[in-house]
Structure formats: C-alpha cells, structure tokens
Amino acid sequence: MINTIPFSGTRIRFSDEGSGTAVVLLHGYLESLEIWNGFAGVLSEKFRVIRPDLPGHGKSGILGDIHSMEKLADAVIAVLDHCRIAKCFIVGHSMGGYCGLAMLKLYPERLNGLCLFHSHPLPDTKQTMNNRCREIVLVRQGKKELISRINIPKAFASENLEALGSEVERATQIALSTPDDGIIACLNGMMQRPSREKLLREASIPVMVIAGKHDNYISFDDVAAKISLPERSEFVILERSGHIGFVEEPERSARAISDFVAAHC
C-alpha cells in the first residue's frame, strides 16, 4: 500500500506491505522506493516491509537547499511513528546507509539492527566532494540526463550490463524522474556528513555490511580494509555484483537480509 504523510511543510511517500518484524528499505541517491520493486515483495513474504521515498527523491517533497542525513533520518522516523512501529531493522542502500547511520546516532532505541548495503561510515573524500560539486553544476545546467545515463550503468558490474539491460533502463528512468532541487539538496547533505566510524564500531545493535566485489563507487578493498565492525556483525560479499546487488544478485541478497533479521528479531 502506498501512502503519504505530512512532514516539515511537505509530504513523504512510502510503501507498507507484509506483516511481522519491520524491515525498512532506504534507497540511495537518484533512486526511489520503486528501485526495491520485486526485492521488497520477496522480503514481505516474511516481514513487514516499509519503503519510504527519502526527501528530495521519488514523490517525497524537498526540505530545503541541504538535506542532511539527520533530516532524512527524521523523515524516516516520522514514517515509523505514523505506522506505529517502535523498532525496526534498517537496510540502507548507499545514501540510504548514510541515513541509517544518522538514525543510529539520533534514534538508537528505534533500531533492532542495521544493514549497510553498498554503504559505509566514512566521510566524503576530497575527490568524492569534487565529483558531487560537478554534478550540482551539471544539474543546474539542465544536464540531469547526462548524469543519469552515466551514473546508473556504472552502478552495475560491467559483466551484468547486457543481461540486466532492462533493469539498467528502469533504474535510469527512476533517476531521470528525481527532482533537480532534490538531487542538489541530497548532494549537499552527503558532502556535509561526518565520519560515523566510531559510532559503527561501538554499535550495540547487530550490524551487517553487504559489499559488491565489483562495486565501481565504493571500493571493495577499501571497505574490507578500512571499516571496523562491532562484535555482533556480519560481512557479506556479493561476488557477481557492483553497487546494486539487490538487482544483480537478488536471491543471495534477500537470503542474507532474511537470515540476519531472523537471527536478531
């Protein structure tokens, strides 16, 4: 079921399906709740699955010039409150993982567990910031299509591009529908986020990291070498995936998340 709620002078759209333990799927940059289509259906056979459009993406509203990860976290909490969900498992893809870490900082009592799906607790590098600034310039020049046509195929492992051509195009269309001002606000917010390394390392909740061996955005070697995880943690490697494993290896990804939630609910 698709619904919307008022939030901070605008509206947040979300999907609510299934029953049981709550699992919240947080999409990434240039995505929307539709990016989880199919994958969410599999998880909803076992769990209650909530999928919000994060502010500035999909059909949720825009909160201002800068969408900090804390603002995104507040929006997700508003959805959970509306749904009367006291605690949940957060599964955050890329930017959605940054939002999940902000929730861990601000609302630790609301989380049963956290899955960073092609995501990490590190702040932006100088190079990443420069790339984000270039994208802001391109969006302001009316070149959002250029960004979408380059960024989305890059999210897939090269070996998957031909076989998953229809999924690449579907994801590209979602990116093209993202509001310009929403893109800029989220890029600004991601550049401002702090390191969450200590927060993650000292987390008292279960944590799972899912990494793609062929991720073009987040180096697998960097993730494996630089991230320190808490005692109750799991590290899952998707051998045939890039940056969008829930599309590239959906069965393996769904099984990992299902087993993680079942083990800790």
Protein backbone atom coordinates (compact mmCIF):
# COMPACT_ATOMS: atom_id res chain seq x y z
CA MET A 1 0.00 0.00 0.00
CA ILE A 2 1.32 3.44 -0.98
CA ASN A 3 0.61 6.31 1.40
CA THR A 4 1.85 9.81 2.17
CA ILE A 5 2.19 11.72 5.42
CA PRO A 6 2.84 15.39 6.18
CA PHE A 7 6.37 16.21 7.26
CA SER A 8 8.13 19.53 7.82
CA GLY A 9 5.86 21.50 5.48
CA THR A 10 5.84 18.92 2.71
CA ARG A 11 4.89 15.25 2.31
CA ILE A 12 6.72 11.93 2.49
CA ARG A 13 5.59 8.99 0.37
CA PHE A 14 6.10 5.42 1.49
CA SER A 15 5.04 1.84 0.84
CA ASP A 16 3.89 -0.55 3.58
CA GLU A 17 3.46 -4.27 2.83
CA GLY A 18 3.60 -7.59 4.64
CA SER A 19 3.42 -8.27 8.37
CA GLY A 20 5.63 -9.21 11.28
CA THR A 21 9.05 -7.80 12.14
CA ALA A 22 9.54 -4.40 10.49
CA VAL A 23 12.27 -4.04 7.86
CA VAL A 24 12.80 -0.56 6.42
CA LEU A 25 14.43 -0.33 2.98
CA LEU A 26 16.14 3.02 2.40
CA HIS A 27 17.04 3.72 -1.23
CA GLY A 28 20.14 5.51 -2.45
CA TYR A 29 20.94 8.65 -4.42
CA LEU A 30 18.97 9.02 -7.68
CA GLU A 31 16.61 6.25 -6.59
CA SER A 32 13.12 5.94 -5.14
CA LEU A 33 11.08 3.31 -3.34
CA GLU A 34 10.42 1.72 -6.75
CA ILE A 35 14.06 0.67 -7.00
CA TRP A 36 13.18 -2.07 -4.48
CA ASN A 37 10.28 -3.44 -6.56
CA GLY A 38 10.40 -7.21 -6.68
CA PHE A 39 13.02 -7.43 -3.96
CA ALA A 40 10.64 -5.90 -1.41
CA GLY A 41 7.96 -8.37 -2.46
CA VAL A 42 10.22 -11.28 -1.58
CA LEU A 43 11.03 -9.84 1.85
CA SER A 44 7.38 -9.01 2.55
CA GLU A 45 6.54 -12.71 2.46
CA LYS A 46 8.29 -12.92 5.84
CA PHE A 47 8.40 -9.39 7.22
CA ARG A 48 6.60 -6.05 7.28
CA VAL A 49 8.49 -4.02 4.71
CA ILE A 50 8.45 -0.22 4.74
CA ARG A 51 9.90 1.69 1.78
CA PRO A 52 9.98 5.50 2.01
CA ASP A 53 10.87 7.93 -0.72
CA LEU A 54 13.58 9.89 1.06
CA PRO A 55 13.06 13.68 0.90
CA GLY A 56 14.04 15.09 -2.47
CA HIS A 57 13.63 11.76 -4.23
CA GLY A 58 10.70 9.92 -5.76
CA LYS A 59 7.48 11.70 -4.88
CA SER A 60 8.51 13.00 -1.48
CA GLY A 61 8.92 16.72 -1.02
CA ILE A 62 12.02 18.87 -0.72
CA LEU A 63 13.03 20.27 2.67
CA GLY A 64 15.47 22.99 1.62
CA ASP A 65 18.83 23.55 -0.01
CA ILE A 66 20.65 20.97 2.13
CA HIS A 67 19.24 17.57 3.02
CA SER A 68 21.45 16.49 5.87
CA MET A 69 21.41 12.81 6.71
CA GLU A 70 19.88 13.83 10.04
CA LYS A 71 16.93 15.44 8.20
CA LEU A 72 16.46 12.25 6.21
CA ALA A 73 16.56 10.26 9.46
CA ASP A 74 13.85 12.49 10.96
CA ALA A 75 11.65 11.83 7.93
CA VAL A 76 12.04 8.07 8.29
CA ILE A 77 11.17 8.29 11.99
CA ALA A 78 8.03 10.23 11.07
CA VAL A 79 7.00 7.35 8.79
CA LEU A 80 7.70 4.81 11.54
CA ASP A 81 5.66 6.83 14.03
CA HIS A 82 2.77 7.00 11.57
CA CYS A 83 2.96 3.24 11.08
CA ARG A 84 3.19 2.71 14.86
CA ILE A 85 6.46 0.86 14.53
CA ALA A 86 8.51 1.14 17.71
CA LYS A 87 11.61 -0.70 16.46
CA CYS A 88 12.84 -1.93 13.09
CA PHE A 89 15.73 -3.25 11.06
CA ILE A 90 17.19 -0.65 8.72
CA VAL A 91 18.56 -1.72 5.34
CA GLY A 92 20.21 1.28 3.72
CA HIS A 93 21.49 1.27 0.16
CA SER A 94 24.37 3.71 -0.43
CA MET A 95 22.94 7.12 0.63
CA GLY A 96 20.24 5.18 2.47
CA GLY A 97 23.01 3.66 4.58
CA TYR A 98 24.24 7.14 5.48
CA CYS A 99 20.69 7.91 6.60
CA GLY A 100 20.64 4.65 8.59
CA LEU A 101 23.83 5.67 10.39
CA ALA A 102 22.26 9.04 11.25
CA MET A 103 19.31 7.12 12.71
CA LEU A 104 21.73 5.01 14.76
CA LYS A 105 23.20 8.25 16.13
CA LEU A 106 19.93 10.05 16.81
CA TYR A 107 17.46 7.24 17.46
CA PRO A 108 19.38 4.14 18.61
CA GLU A 109 16.39 2.93 20.61
CA ARG A 110 14.35 2.57 17.39
CA LEU A 111 16.76 0.13 15.69
CA ASN A 112 16.89 -3.64 16.10
CA GLY A 113 19.71 -3.88 13.59
CA LEU A 114 21.40 -2.06 10.72
CA CYS A 115 22.44 -3.32 7.28
CA LEU A 116 24.77 -1.14 5.23
CA PHE A 117 24.08 -2.27 1.67
CA HIS A 118 26.88 -0.95 -0.56
CA SER A 119 27.41 1.77 2.02
CA HIS A 120 29.95 2.76 4.68
CA PRO A 121 30.55 5.08 7.67
CA LEU A 122 33.37 7.11 6.08
CA PRO A 123 33.01 10.81 5.20
CA ASP A 124 33.41 12.00 1.62
CA THR A 125 36.95 12.15 0.29
CA LYS A 126 38.12 15.30 -1.45
CA GLN A 127 37.71 13.57 -4.80
CA THR A 128 34.16 12.49 -3.98
CA MET A 129 33.28 16.03 -2.91
CA ASN A 130 34.66 17.39 -6.17
CA ASN A 131 32.56 14.86 -8.10
CA ARG A 132 29.44 15.89 -6.20
CA CYS A 133 30.14 19.56 -6.87
CA ARG A 134 30.48 18.82 -10.58
CA GLU A 135 27.13 17.02 -10.54
CA ILE A 136 25.49 20.03 -8.87
CA VAL A 137 26.83 22.25 -11.66
CA LEU A 138 25.53 19.84 -14.32
CA VAL A 139 22.07 19.67 -12.74
CA ARG A 140 21.89 23.47 -12.64
CA GLN A 141 22.86 23.49 -16.32
CA GLY A 142 19.91 21.23 -17.12
CA LYS A 143 22.10 18.17 -17.74
CA LYS A 144 20.48 15.72 -15.32
CA GLU A 145 20.05 13.21 -18.14
CA LEU A 146 23.80 13.14 -18.68
CA ILE A 147 24.37 12.30 -15.01
CA SER A 148 21.70 9.60 -15.06
CA ARG A 149 22.93 7.98 -18.26
CA ILE A 150 26.47 7.80 -16.87
CA ASN A 151 25.89 7.06 -13.17
CA ILE A 152 23.28 4.33 -13.41
CA PRO A 153 25.10 1.91 -15.73
CA LYS A 154 28.19 2.45 -13.59
CA ALA A 155 26.21 1.12 -10.60
CA PHE A 156 26.14 -2.33 -12.22
CA ALA A 157 29.11 -4.65 -12.58
CA SER A 158 30.31 -4.49 -16.18
CA GLU A 159 29.62 -8.17 -16.71
CA ASN A 160 25.94 -7.65 -15.79
CA LEU A 161 25.12 -4.75 -18.10
CA GLU A 162 23.97 -6.80 -21.08
CA ALA A 163 21.94 -9.40 -19.18
CA LEU A 164 20.32 -6.77 -16.97
CA GLY A 165 19.77 -4.18 -19.67
CA SER A 166 16.08 -3.73 -18.84
CA GLU A 167 16.94 -3.17 -15.16
CA VAL A 168 19.57 -0.62 -16.09
CA GLU A 169 16.99 1.29 -18.10
CA ARG A 170 14.40 1.02 -15.31
CA ALA A 171 16.87 2.45 -12.79
CA THR A 172 17.82 5.18 -15.26
CA GLN A 173 14.19 6.25 -15.63
CA ILE A 174 13.87 6.45 -11.84
CA ALA A 175 16.97 8.67 -11.76
CA LEU A 176 15.59 10.91 -14.52
CA SER A 177 12.41 11.45 -12.50
CA THR A 178 14.32 12.74 -9.46
CA PRO A 179 13.66 16.48 -8.95
CA ASP A 180 16.62 18.72 -9.73
CA ASP A 181 16.39 20.57 -6.41
CA GLY A 182 16.15 17.26 -4.57
CA ILE A 183 19.33 16.00 -6.24
CA ILE A 184 21.22 19.15 -5.27
CA ALA A 185 19.93 19.11 -1.69
CA CYS A 186 20.99 15.49 -1.16
CA LEU A 187 24.40 16.04 -2.77
CA ASN A 188 24.94 18.96 -0.38
CA GLY A 189 23.84 16.80 2.54
CA MET A 190 26.13 13.91 1.68
CA MET A 191 29.11 16.23 1.42
CA GLN A 192 28.47 17.55 4.92
CA ARG A 193 28.07 14.24 6.71
CA PRO A 194 30.67 13.43 9.40
CA SER A 195 32.59 10.23 9.98
CA ARG A 196 30.46 7.56 11.62
CA GLU A 197 33.35 5.11 12.06
CA LYS A 198 33.42 5.25 15.86
CA LEU A 199 29.62 5.09 16.04
CA LEU A 200 29.55 1.96 13.92
CA ARG A 201 32.47 0.31 15.68
CA GLU A 202 30.83 0.80 19.08
CA ALA A 203 27.28 -0.04 17.99
CA SER A 204 25.35 -2.17 20.48
CA ILE A 205 22.96 -3.47 17.83
CA PRO A 206 23.70 -6.16 15.22
CA VAL A 207 25.28 -4.81 12.04
CA MET A 208 25.61 -6.36 8.60
CA VAL A 209 27.62 -4.96 5.70
CA ILE A 210 26.84 -6.19 2.19
CA ALA A 211 29.57 -5.36 -0.33
CA GLY A 212 29.81 -5.92 -4.08
CA LYS A 213 33.09 -7.38 -5.29
CA HIS A 214 32.86 -5.25 -8.47
CA ASP A 215 31.48 -2.02 -6.97
CA ASN A 216 32.54 0.95 -9.10
CA TYR A 217 31.53 3.51 -6.47
CA ILE A 218 32.71 2.01 -3.18
CA SER A 219 35.97 0.12 -3.47
CA PHE A 220 35.54 -3.40 -2.13
CA ASP A 221 39.16 -3.42 -0.95
CA ASP A 222 38.65 -0.14 0.93
CA VAL A 223 35.52 -1.39 2.64
CA ALA A 224 37.16 -4.65 3.67
CA ALA A 225 40.30 -2.93 4.95
CA LYS A 226 39.06 0.32 6.50
CA ILE A 227 35.75 -0.44 8.20
CA SER A 228 35.85 -1.68 11.80
CA LEU A 229 32.66 -3.51 12.77
CA PRO A 230 31.18 -4.17 16.22
CA GLU A 231 31.23 -7.57 17.87
CA ARG A 232 27.83 -8.63 16.59
CA SER A 233 28.39 -8.12 12.90
CA GLU A 234 28.41 -9.88 9.56
CA PHE A 235 30.24 -9.10 6.33
CA VAL A 236 28.58 -10.46 3.19
CA ILE A 237 30.36 -10.48 -0.17
CA LEU A 238 28.38 -10.46 -3.40
CA GLU A 239 30.84 -12.00 -5.84
CA ARG A 240 28.95 -11.03 -9.02
CA SER A 241 27.65 -7.60 -8.07
CA GLY A 242 28.60 -3.97 -8.44
CA HIS A 243 26.76 -1.28 -6.48
CA ILE A 244 23.22 -2.58 -6.80
CA GLY A 245 23.33 -6.16 -5.55
CA PHE A 246 19.64 -6.41 -4.76
CA VAL A 247 19.11 -6.25 -8.53
CA GLU A 248 22.28 -8.07 -9.62
CA GLU A 249 22.08 -10.91 -7.07
CA PRO A 250 18.57 -10.63 -5.62
CA GLU A 251 18.26 -14.17 -4.25
CA ARG A 252 21.61 -14.04 -2.42
CA SER A 253 20.84 -10.55 -1.08
CA ALA A 254 17.34 -11.41 0.10
CA ARG A 255 18.59 -14.55 1.81
CA ALA A 256 21.33 -12.63 3.63
CA ILE A 257 18.91 -9.99 4.89
CA SER A 258 16.23 -12.52 5.84
CA ASP A 259 18.72 -14.61 7.80
CA PHE A 260 20.12 -11.50 9.51
CA VAL A 261 16.70 -10.28 10.61
CA ALA A 262 15.50 -13.73 11.68
CA ALA A 263 18.63 -14.23 13.79
CA HIS A 264 18.18 -10.99 15.71
CA CYS A 265 14.46 -10.29 15.93
